[in-house]
Amino acid sequence: MNGVDIAVIVIVSVAVLAVAAVLIYRKIKKKGGCCDCGCKTCPHCDKCDTKK
């Protein structure tokens, strides 16, 4: 492996970790998904447990 290969691996790994961190943050803060306050745009809004 040369320096370019290692740099690509590091960049891809950081990108994957960043996406995972954003998804976890949104899940913790209740942003996104069917049961948020903006649920009217969700095609499955009538099936949300919190709306019943």
Protein backbone atom coordinates (compact mmCIF):
# COMPACT_ATOMS: atom_id res chain seq x y z
CA MET A 1 0.00 0.00 0.00
CA ASN A 2 1.22 3.43 -0.82
CA GLY A 3 0.24 6.79 0.62
CA VAL A 4 -2.64 7.33 -1.80
CA ASP A 5 -4.28 4.04 -0.81
CA ILE A 6 -4.02 4.87 2.88
CA ALA A 7 -5.42 8.37 2.30
CA VAL A 8 -8.41 6.97 0.40
CA ILE A 9 -9.11 4.44 3.15
CA VAL A 10 -8.90 7.16 5.83
CA ILE A 11 -11.19 9.53 3.88
CA VAL A 12 -13.80 6.83 3.25
CA SER A 13 -13.67 5.72 6.89
CA VAL A 14 -14.16 9.29 8.14
CA ALA A 15 -17.10 9.74 5.77
CA VAL A 16 -18.77 6.54 7.00
CA LEU A 17 -18.26 7.54 10.63
CA ALA A 18 -19.66 11.02 9.93
CA VAL A 19 -22.81 9.57 8.36
CA ALA A 20 -23.25 7.19 11.30
CA ALA A 21 -22.79 10.05 13.76
CA VAL A 22 -25.39 12.20 11.98
CA LEU A 23 -27.90 9.34 11.94
CA ILE A 24 -27.36 8.65 15.64
CA TYR A 25 -27.65 12.36 16.47
CA ARG A 26 -30.89 12.66 14.53
CA LYS A 27 -32.27 9.55 16.22
CA ILE A 28 -31.41 10.91 19.68
CA LYS A 29 -32.88 14.34 18.91
CA LYS A 30 -36.01 12.75 17.35
CA LYS A 31 -35.43 14.38 13.97
CA GLY A 32 -36.52 12.36 11.00
CA GLY A 33 -38.71 9.33 10.77
CA CYS A 34 -42.44 8.84 10.66
CA CYS A 35 -43.48 9.99 14.12
CA ASP A 36 -42.09 13.53 14.24
CA CYS A 37 -44.28 16.59 14.41
CA GLY A 38 -43.95 16.87 10.61
CA CYS A 39 -45.58 13.50 10.16
CA LYS A 40 -48.16 14.68 7.64
CA THR A 41 -45.68 14.22 4.81
CA CYS A 42 -45.06 10.58 5.75
CA PRO A 43 -46.99 8.05 3.64
CA HIS A 44 -47.32 5.82 6.73
CA CYS A 45 -48.59 8.57 9.06
CA ASP A 46 -51.78 6.69 9.94
CA LYS A 47 -49.75 3.73 11.23
CA CYS A 48 -47.64 5.68 13.74
CA ASP A 49 -48.03 4.40 17.31
CA THR A 50 -47.61 7.87 18.82
CA LYS A 51 -50.50 9.28 16.78
CA LYS A 52 -53.05 6.74 18.10
